[in-house]
Protein backbone atom coordinates (compact mmCIF):
# COMPACT_ATOMS: atom_id res chain seq x y z
CA MET A 1 0.00 0.00 0.00
CA ALA A 2 2.82 2.42 0.92
CA THR A 3 4.60 1.68 -2.36
CA GLY A 4 1.46 2.50 -4.34
CA TRP A 5 0.93 5.78 -2.52
CA ARG A 6 4.58 6.67 -3.05
CA GLY A 7 4.24 6.04 -6.78
CA TYR A 8 1.20 8.27 -7.02
CA LEU A 9 2.88 11.06 -5.09
CA GLU A 10 6.08 10.88 -7.18
CA GLU A 11 4.18 11.30 -10.45
CA GLU A 12 4.00 14.80 -11.87
CA SER A 13 0.56 14.07 -13.27
CA GLU A 14 -3.12 13.85 -12.50
CA TYR A 15 -2.48 10.93 -10.12
CA GLN A 16 -1.22 13.26 -7.43
CA TRP A 17 -4.39 15.34 -7.20
CA ILE A 18 -6.47 12.17 -7.50
CA ALA A 19 -4.64 10.79 -4.46
CA MET A 20 -5.27 13.98 -2.49
CA ALA A 21 -8.91 14.03 -3.52
CA GLY A 22 -9.24 10.41 -2.36
CA PHE A 23 -7.76 11.32 1.00
CA LEU A 24 -10.23 14.21 1.33
CA VAL A 25 -13.11 11.80 0.67
CA PHE A 26 -11.69 9.51 3.36
CA ILE A 27 -11.67 12.40 5.83
CA LEU A 28 -15.30 13.27 5.09
CA LEU A 29 -16.48 9.66 5.30
CA GLY A 30 -14.54 9.16 8.53
CA ALA A 31 -16.07 12.27 10.10
CA ALA A 32 -19.57 11.09 9.14
CA ALA A 33 -18.90 7.61 10.56
CA ILE A 34 -17.55 9.01 13.81
CA GLN A 35 -20.60 11.24 14.17
CA GLY A 36 -22.79 8.21 13.55
CA THR A 37 -21.22 6.40 16.49
CA SER A 38 -21.70 9.28 18.95
CA ASN A 39 -23.95 7.27 21.30
CA LEU A 40 -22.42 6.75 24.73
CA PRO A 41 -20.35 3.52 24.63
CA GLY A 42 -20.05 1.01 27.45
CA VAL A 43 -23.80 1.01 28.24
CA SER A 44 -25.49 -2.30 29.00
CA VAL A 45 -29.10 -2.91 30.07
CA GLY A 46 -30.53 -6.14 31.41
CA ALA A 47 -30.82 -8.28 34.50
CA SER A 48 -27.87 -8.13 36.87
CA ASP A 49 -25.71 -11.21 37.35
CA ALA A 50 -24.78 -10.25 40.91
CA SER A 51 -26.33 -11.62 44.10
CA HIS A 52 -29.29 -9.24 43.70
CA ALA A 53 -30.08 -10.52 40.19
CA ASP A 54 -33.68 -11.52 40.84
CA VAL A 55 -34.68 -9.04 43.54
CA ARG A 56 -35.72 -5.41 43.66
CA VAL A 57 -32.96 -3.13 44.94
CA LEU A 58 -34.19 -0.28 47.16
CA ASP A 59 -30.79 1.14 48.09
CA ILE A 60 -27.19 0.19 47.35
CA ASP A 61 -23.66 1.48 47.96
CA TYR A 62 -20.69 0.13 46.03
CA SER A 63 -17.15 -0.04 47.40
CA SER A 64 -15.97 -1.59 44.10
CA ASP A 65 -17.56 -3.07 40.97
CA GLU A 66 -17.80 -6.42 42.81
CA ALA A 67 -18.45 -5.34 46.43
CA PHE A 68 -21.46 -3.49 47.85
CA ILE A 69 -24.05 -3.23 50.62
CA ALA A 70 -27.65 -3.52 49.45
CA LYS A 71 -31.19 -3.26 50.77
CA VAL A 72 -33.41 -5.57 48.71
CA VAL A 73 -37.00 -6.81 48.61
CA THR A 74 -37.45 -10.56 49.07
CA ASP A 75 -40.44 -12.88 49.48
CA THR A 76 -40.30 -12.51 53.27
CA GLY A 77 -39.65 -8.77 53.53
CA ILE A 78 -36.67 -6.45 53.16
CA ASP A 79 -33.12 -7.77 53.67
CA LEU A 80 -29.84 -5.95 54.19
CA TYR A 81 -26.61 -7.68 53.24
CA MET A 82 -23.01 -7.10 52.15
CA HIS A 83 -21.65 -8.71 49.00
CA HIS A 84 -17.85 -9.01 49.20
CA SER A 85 -15.43 -8.98 46.28
CA ASP A 86 -14.79 -12.70 46.78
CA ALA A 87 -18.54 -13.27 46.08
CA SER A 88 -19.24 -14.19 49.71
CA VAL A 89 -22.24 -12.59 51.41
CA THR A 90 -22.76 -11.33 54.96
CA LYS A 91 -26.41 -11.06 56.03
CA ILE A 92 -26.87 -8.02 58.28
CA MET A 93 -30.66 -8.10 58.51
CA ASP A 94 -32.59 -11.16 57.37
CA SER A 95 -36.37 -10.79 57.10
CA SER A 96 -36.80 -14.58 57.06
CA GLN A 97 -35.35 -14.55 60.59
CA GLY A 98 -37.74 -11.82 61.73
CA VAL A 99 -35.25 -8.94 61.33
CA ASP A 100 -36.57 -6.62 58.63
CA ALA A 101 -34.45 -3.80 57.15
CA GLY A 102 -37.40 -1.62 56.21
CA GLU A 103 -36.44 1.08 58.73
CA ILE A 104 -32.91 1.53 57.41
CA GLU A 105 -32.84 5.03 55.89
CA PHE A 106 -29.19 5.34 54.80
CA PHE A 107 -25.77 3.74 54.32
CA THR A 108 -22.73 5.93 54.92
CA PRO A 109 -19.30 4.57 53.96
CA LEU A 110 -16.60 5.79 56.35
CA ALA A 111 -13.06 6.83 55.46
CA ASN A 112 -11.64 3.83 57.35
CA GLY A 113 -13.55 1.38 55.15
CA ASN A 114 -16.40 0.69 57.59
CA MET A 115 -20.09 1.43 57.03
CA VAL A 116 -22.59 3.07 59.39
CA ILE A 117 -26.39 2.67 59.48
CA SER A 118 -29.12 3.31 62.03
CA PRO A 119 -31.45 0.39 62.86
CA SER A 120 -33.55 2.12 65.55
CA ALA A 121 -33.99 5.31 67.58
CA ASN A 122 -30.88 6.69 69.33
CA THR A 123 -28.83 3.87 67.81
CA LEU A 124 -26.04 3.68 65.26
CA MET A 125 -24.59 0.47 63.90
CA VAL A 126 -21.04 0.32 62.50
CA ILE A 127 -20.35 -2.56 60.11
CA HIS A 128 -16.62 -3.17 60.21
CA SER A 129 -14.98 -4.02 56.90
CA PRO A 130 -13.45 -7.52 56.84
CA ALA A 131 -10.15 -5.77 56.00
CA ASN A 132 -10.27 -4.15 59.47
CA VAL A 133 -10.87 -7.42 61.31
CA PRO A 134 -8.02 -9.90 61.93
CA THR A 135 -10.31 -12.86 61.28
CA GLY A 136 -11.59 -11.36 58.02
CA GLU A 137 -15.21 -11.23 59.20
CA ALA A 138 -17.68 -8.36 58.86
CA LEU A 139 -18.20 -7.60 62.55
CA ILE A 140 -20.91 -5.22 63.78
CA SER A 141 -20.73 -2.69 66.62
CA THR A 142 -23.95 -1.22 68.03
CA LEU A 143 -23.65 2.27 69.57
CA GLU A 144 -26.32 3.70 71.83
CA MET A 145 -26.46 7.51 71.52
CA ASP A 146 -27.08 9.76 74.52
CA ASN A 147 -30.82 10.36 74.92
CA SER A 148 -30.61 12.93 77.72
CA THR A 149 -31.67 15.61 75.21
CA GLY A 150 -34.50 13.47 73.87
CA ASP A 151 -35.11 10.44 71.69
CA PHE A 152 -34.48 10.79 67.98
CA GLU A 153 -34.21 8.72 64.82
CA VAL A 154 -31.21 9.14 62.49
CA LEU A 155 -32.33 9.74 58.88
CA ASP A 156 -28.94 10.46 57.31
CA LEU A 157 -25.31 10.81 58.36
CA ALA A 158 -22.19 12.39 56.83
CA GLU A 159 -18.57 12.07 57.93
CA LYS A 160 -15.78 14.64 57.98
CA ALA A 161 -12.15 13.63 58.55
CA LEU A 162 -9.86 16.30 60.00
CA ASP A 163 -6.30 15.37 60.97
CA SER A 164 -6.48 12.15 63.01
CA GLU A 165 -10.11 12.52 64.07
CA THR A 166 -13.51 12.37 62.42
CA SER A 167 -16.89 13.94 63.11
CA TRP A 168 -20.42 13.08 62.05
CA LEU A 169 -23.34 15.31 61.18
CA MET A 170 -26.77 13.70 61.30
CA VAL A 171 -30.28 14.46 60.09
CA THR A 172 -32.59 13.50 62.94
CA ASN A 173 -36.30 13.05 63.43
CA GLU A 174 -37.01 14.77 66.71
CA GLY A 175 -40.66 13.72 66.86
CA SER A 176 -42.57 16.80 65.75
CA SER A 177 -39.82 18.07 63.44
CA THR A 178 -36.53 17.18 61.86
CA GLY A 179 -33.20 18.59 62.97
CA LEU A 180 -29.44 18.45 62.60
CA ARG A 181 -27.12 17.04 65.26
CA GLY A 182 -23.36 16.67 65.39
CA PHE A 183 -21.37 13.85 66.99
CA GLY A 184 -17.60 13.87 67.54
CA SER A 185 -14.73 13.99 67.59
CA ILE A 186 -14.05 10.30 67.03
CA GLY A 187 -10.57 8.82 67.43
CA GLN A 188 -8.75 6.36 65.17
CA GLY A 189 -9.76 3.45 67.40
CA SER A 190 -13.17 3.38 65.73
CA VAL A 191 -11.66 1.25 62.94
CA THR A 192 -11.87 -2.00 64.90
CA ALA A 193 -14.71 -3.59 66.84
CA ASP A 194 -12.43 -4.07 69.87
CA THR A 195 -11.61 -0.39 70.36
CA ILE A 196 -14.53 1.51 68.85
CA SER A 197 -16.36 2.02 72.15
CA SER A 198 -13.35 3.51 73.91
CA SER A 199 -12.54 5.76 70.94
CA MET A 200 -16.04 7.27 71.14
CA ALA A 201 -16.24 7.51 74.93
CA SER A 202 -15.31 11.22 74.98
CA SER A 203 -17.27 12.20 71.86
CA VAL A 204 -20.09 14.69 72.34
CA LEU A 205 -23.60 14.65 70.90
CA SER A 206 -24.80 18.17 70.14
CA MET A 207 -28.19 19.66 70.70
CA PRO A 208 -30.53 19.60 67.67
CA THR A 209 -30.71 22.60 65.38
CA ALA A 210 -33.59 24.81 66.43
CA ASP A 211 -36.02 26.86 64.31
CA THR A 212 -35.15 26.01 60.73
CA ALA A 213 -38.09 27.74 59.07
CA ASP A 214 -40.25 24.60 58.81
CA VAL A 215 -37.65 22.81 56.70
CA VAL A 216 -37.97 19.03 56.53
CA TRP A 217 -34.31 17.97 56.46
CA GLN A 218 -33.37 14.87 54.48
CA HIS A 219 -29.66 14.72 53.55
CA VAL A 220 -26.28 15.98 54.77
CA ALA A 221 -22.77 16.03 53.30
CA SER A 222 -19.31 17.27 54.24
CA VAL A 223 -17.94 20.48 52.68
CA SER A 224 -14.71 21.80 54.25
CA GLY A 225 -13.44 22.94 57.64
CA ASN A 226 -16.44 23.26 59.96
CA LEU A 227 -18.85 23.59 57.04
CA TRP A 228 -21.41 21.01 55.93
CA GLY A 229 -24.15 20.88 53.33
CA ALA A 230 -27.76 19.96 54.06
CA SER A 231 -30.87 19.59 51.94
CA GLY A 232 -34.57 19.13 52.44
CA TYR A 233 -37.83 20.76 51.48
CA ILE A 234 -40.56 23.13 52.64
CA ALA A 235 -44.20 22.15 52.15
CA PHE A 236 -46.87 24.85 52.15
CA ALA A 237 -50.44 25.37 51.05
CA SER A 238 -50.48 26.66 47.49
CA ASN A 239 -52.55 29.72 46.62
CA VAL A 240 -52.66 28.73 42.95
CA SER A 241 -56.22 28.45 41.65
CA GLY A 242 -57.45 24.86 41.78
CA ALA A 243 -54.63 23.63 44.04
CA SER A 244 -55.66 20.93 46.52
CA ALA A 245 -55.17 21.51 50.23
CA ALA A 246 -54.42 17.80 50.57
CA SER A 247 -51.46 18.15 48.19
CA PRO A 248 -49.33 21.06 49.44
CA ALA A 249 -46.71 22.68 47.22
CA ILE A 250 -43.11 21.59 47.84
CA VAL A 251 -39.95 23.58 47.18
CA PRO A 252 -36.37 22.32 47.61
CA VAL A 253 -34.00 23.71 50.21
CA VAL A 254 -30.20 23.63 50.24
CA ALA A 255 -28.26 25.01 53.21
CA VAL A 256 -24.73 25.60 54.43
CA VAL A 257 -24.33 24.40 58.02
CA GLU A 258 -21.55 25.11 60.53
CA TRP A 259 -20.67 22.94 63.51
CA ASP A 260 -17.51 23.16 65.64
CA ASN A 261 -17.62 19.73 67.39
CA SER A 262 -19.17 21.22 70.52
CA LEU A 263 -22.37 20.61 72.47
CA ALA A 264 -23.90 23.61 70.73
CA ALA A 265 -26.34 22.80 67.93
CA PRO A 266 -25.22 23.11 64.31
CA THR A 267 -26.11 26.52 62.90
CA ILE A 268 -27.49 27.46 59.48
CA LYS A 269 -25.06 29.89 57.82
CA ALA A 270 -26.89 30.27 54.52
CA ILE A 271 -30.02 28.80 53.00
CA ARG A 272 -31.34 28.68 49.44
CA THR A 273 -34.92 27.88 48.46
CA GLY A 274 -35.61 26.62 44.94
CA ASP A 275 -38.65 26.98 42.75
CA GLU A 276 -39.97 23.41 42.56
CA GLY A 277 -39.10 19.75 43.05
CA THR A 278 -36.91 18.13 45.69
CA ILE A 279 -33.23 17.40 46.23
CA HIS A 280 -32.72 13.64 45.92
CA THR A 281 -28.92 13.30 46.31
CA LEU A 282 -25.96 15.12 47.87
CA LEU A 283 -22.65 14.16 46.25
CA GLU A 284 -19.30 14.99 47.85
CA LEU A 285 -16.69 15.93 45.23
CA GLY A 286 -12.93 15.75 45.56
CA ASP A 287 -12.39 19.53 45.75
CA SER A 288 -14.39 19.83 49.00
CA THR A 289 -17.53 20.88 47.16
CA VAL A 290 -20.99 19.31 47.24
CA PHE A 291 -23.31 18.75 44.28
CA ALA A 292 -26.96 18.84 45.35
CA ALA A 293 -28.91 17.06 42.60
CA GLY A 294 -32.62 17.80 42.40
CA THR A 295 -35.57 16.64 40.37
CA GLN A 296 -36.01 20.05 38.71
CA GLU A 297 -32.83 21.99 39.55
CA SER A 298 -29.47 21.49 41.22
CA THR A 299 -27.09 23.47 43.43
CA ILE A 300 -23.34 23.40 44.03
CA ILE A 301 -21.92 24.32 47.43
CA ASP A 302 -18.29 25.31 46.95
CA SER A 303 -15.54 24.90 49.56
CA SER A 304 -16.12 28.42 50.93
CA GLY A 305 -19.83 27.85 51.43
CA GLU A 306 -21.05 29.79 48.37
CA MET A 307 -24.04 28.27 46.56
CA ILE A 308 -24.32 28.17 42.77
CA HIS A 309 -27.60 27.41 41.01
CA ILE A 310 -27.70 24.95 38.08
CA ASP A 311 -30.81 24.70 35.94
CA GLN A 312 -30.66 20.92 35.48
CA GLY A 313 -32.87 18.25 37.00
CA SER A 314 -32.60 14.45 37.28
CA VAL A 315 -34.03 11.44 39.08
CA ALA A 316 -30.64 9.88 39.95
CA ALA A 317 -27.11 11.24 40.26
CA VAL A 318 -23.73 9.50 40.58
CA VAL A 319 -20.18 10.83 40.86
CA ASP A 320 -17.36 8.80 39.30
CA ASP A 321 -13.66 8.47 40.13
CA SER A 322 -12.82 11.50 37.97
CA ASP A 323 -15.20 13.77 39.92
CA ARG A 324 -17.68 13.88 37.04
CA VAL A 325 -21.34 13.98 38.04
CA TRP A 326 -23.69 11.85 35.90
CA LEU A 327 -27.35 12.93 35.92
CA PHE A 328 -30.00 10.44 34.81
CA GLY A 329 -33.56 11.17 33.76
CA ASP A 330 -36.81 9.26 34.13
CA VAL A 331 -38.24 6.42 32.04
CA GLY A 332 -37.92 7.18 28.33
CA SER A 333 -34.86 9.42 28.71
CA LYS A 334 -32.71 9.40 25.57
CA THR A 335 -29.73 11.24 27.04
CA ILE A 336 -27.51 11.49 30.11
CA VAL A 337 -26.15 14.80 31.36
CA ARG A 338 -22.56 14.79 32.60
CA TYR A 339 -21.24 17.67 34.71
CA ASP A 340 -17.46 18.11 34.67
CA GLN A 341 -15.80 21.12 36.33
CA GLY A 342 -18.55 23.57 35.46
CA ALA A 343 -19.30 22.21 31.98
CA MET A 344 -22.45 20.30 31.06
CA GLU A 345 -22.28 17.62 28.35
CA LEU A 346 -25.27 15.87 26.82
CA LEU A 347 -24.52 12.18 26.11
CA PRO A 348 -26.96 10.28 23.83
CA LEU A 349 -28.12 6.80 24.80
CA GLY A 350 -28.40 4.13 22.12
CA ARG A 351 -32.01 3.58 23.18
CA PRO A 352 -34.31 5.24 25.74
CA LEU A 353 -34.06 4.27 29.41
CA ALA A 354 -36.63 1.51 29.84
CA PHE A 355 -37.14 1.45 33.60
CA ALA A 356 -37.64 3.71 36.61
CA VAL A 357 -34.43 4.14 38.61
CA GLU A 358 -34.77 3.30 42.31
CA ALA A 359 -31.13 2.90 43.37
CA SER A 360 -27.78 3.89 41.93
CA GLY A 361 -24.08 3.80 42.70
CA PHE A 362 -20.53 3.84 41.37
CA GLY A 363 -18.02 1.03 41.84
CA THR A 364 -14.49 1.14 40.45
CA LYS A 365 -15.12 2.04 36.82
CA GLN A 366 -18.83 1.34 36.39
CA ILE A 367 -22.03 3.20 37.19
CA PHE A 368 -24.95 0.99 38.25
CA LEU A 369 -28.63 1.91 38.00
CA HIS A 370 -31.23 -0.43 39.48
CA GLY A 371 -34.97 -0.35 38.94
CA VAL A 372 -38.12 -2.05 37.71
CA ASP A 373 -39.66 -1.77 34.24
CA GLU A 374 -43.35 -1.39 33.39
CA LEU A 375 -43.79 -5.18 33.41
CA GLY A 376 -42.44 -5.42 36.94
CA LEU A 377 -39.15 -6.99 35.82
CA VAL A 378 -35.98 -6.13 37.72
CA LYS A 379 -33.45 -4.34 35.52
CA THR A 380 -29.92 -3.02 35.85
CA LEU A 381 -28.18 -0.48 33.64
CA THR A 382 -24.39 -0.26 33.75
CA VAL A 383 -22.19 2.46 32.26
CA ASP A 384 -18.50 1.73 31.86
CA THR A 385 -17.01 5.19 32.44
CA SER A 386 -13.68 4.14 30.93
CA ALA A 387 -15.20 3.02 27.59
CA ALA A 388 -15.66 6.43 25.96
CA GLY A 389 -12.87 7.02 23.45
CA SER A 390 -11.27 3.63 24.02
CA ILE A 391 -10.42 1.47 21.00
CA GLU A 392 -13.10 -1.02 22.10
CA SER A 393 -15.82 1.53 21.36
CA GLY A 394 -17.02 2.19 17.80
CA ARG A 395 -16.05 5.84 18.01
CA GLY A 396 -12.65 5.00 19.46
CA PHE A 397 -12.00 2.40 16.76
CA LEU A 398 -12.85 4.85 13.98
CA ASN A 399 -10.64 7.49 15.61
CA PHE A 400 -7.83 4.93 15.71
CA MET A 401 -8.37 4.01 12.04
CA PHE A 402 -8.42 7.65 10.97
CA LEU A 403 -5.21 8.47 12.84
CA SER A 404 -3.52 5.32 11.49
CA VAL A 405 -4.34 6.06 7.84
CA PHE A 406 -3.51 9.74 8.27
CA THR A 407 -0.14 8.83 9.79
CA ILE A 408 0.67 6.38 6.97
CA VAL A 409 -0.18 8.94 4.27
CA MET A 410 1.85 11.69 5.90
CA LEU A 411 4.84 9.38 6.40
CA VAL A 412 4.75 8.32 2.73
CA MET A 413 4.53 11.95 1.64
CA ALA A 414 7.44 12.91 3.91
CA TRP A 415 9.46 9.95 2.64
CA SER A 416 8.84 10.91 -0.99
CA THR A 417 9.66 14.57 -0.34
CA SER A 418 12.91 13.74 1.47
CA GLU A 419 14.04 11.44 -1.36
CA ARG A 420 13.30 14.12 -3.96
CA PHE A 421 15.30 16.61 -1.92
CA LEU A 422 18.26 14.25 -1.59
CA ASN A 423 18.17 13.43 -5.29
CA ALA A 424 18.15 17.11 -6.10
CA ARG A 425 21.18 17.65 -3.86
CA ARG A 426 23.12 14.84 -5.53
CA SER A 427 22.47 16.16 -9.01
C-alpha cells in the first residue's frame, strides 16, 4: 500500500491530485462515521448477574464493581446484606429470621472502610470491613447515643475527617420536626470492633438545630473545615387556583451548616430555596464541594460555602472516580447529562431508558442503576465510564483508524519529499 501511494505522489501528473482528492473523501467519510457512532459507549441494560439478580434493589452502595451493601425486597420482607469482592455474602438483617431492614434510611461509607447505618432510635450500627478485622469477618458494633436531650431517629449521616479525628453530622427526626445534630470527635480506634467504644467515649452529641423555618431535612454532606451541606424541602399550602389543600406545594432547600464539634447545635449559615421539586442526592466531590442534585434543579456548594444554582434536573445522580457527576432522567430518557468542572455535556443513549431508577451507585469504573420496568421486571443499567474514546468503542476504533491512515499517508509523503530533496542535492 505504501509503495502505491509513493508512486502516485512521485508522479507529476493527474495521479497526485487524484490521491489527495481520495484522501479528502476519506476524511469526510470518517467524520460522518464518527458522528454516527456518537452514542455513549459502554452502556449495558438487562438483569444483573450479581447476588441481587432476581430481587428489587431499594438502596445500594458500592465499594468496588464487585463489592457493595444492598437493601433488597425478598419474598419474606426487606433484607440488608453485604456482597464481598470474593462473592461471599454477609447477612446483616434477614427478614426470614424476623429482622426486617425496612427502617434503614441510609448507608454511609466511612473513610476507614467501615459502614454506618441506624437500625432504631438513638442507635447507630457500624459494620466493620473484613479488612479491618483480623479474622476477616464483617463484625458489627452497636452504639447507643445519649438520649438525655430526647429520643431521635437518624435519617442520614455524613462524615468529615480532620487530621487524626472524624466527626459526624446527622439528620434527625425529633418527633414533631426534623433537625441536625453533630457527633464527635471520634478517634482512630473506631476502625476496629475491639476499640470503637473507647474511641467514642469522649465524643459529644450536640443539641438539635432549632427553628429552621419549617424545613424538613433529608440529607447531609461534608464540605470543608467546619462547614457542611444539608438539603430538604418546605411544604406549604399553594394559593394557585385549583390547588388541593391535601397536596401542598413543595420547594427544595439547600443550606450551608456550621458545627464546631461542641455541644452547641449546628447553625445554618446560609439557606437557598428553589422553585420546585426536591433534592434527591448530595454528592461529595474531591475539591471539597458538594453537588446537590434535584428533580427540577441542582445546586453546588463550593468549599467556601457559596451556593451556585444549576438549571438541570434528574431522578438519579452518581459521581465517578474522575469527579464527574452523571445525571440520569426518568423512564424514556434518551440522554444522560454529565457535569465536569462547570461544563455540562449531553450524552446520547443508544435507546431510551426503559425502567424507573430506584437505586444507583458507582463502583471502580462502572455506574450501576437499578430499577423495575413497566412489566415489573428487575433491571440493571451499567455504564463503563472508561469506555468512551477507548479502542473497544465504535467511536474510538474509527478514531484509531483515521489516525492510522492519516499517519501512513503523511509518512509516505514525507518519505517521498525527502528522497526528492536528496536526489536534487546529488544532481
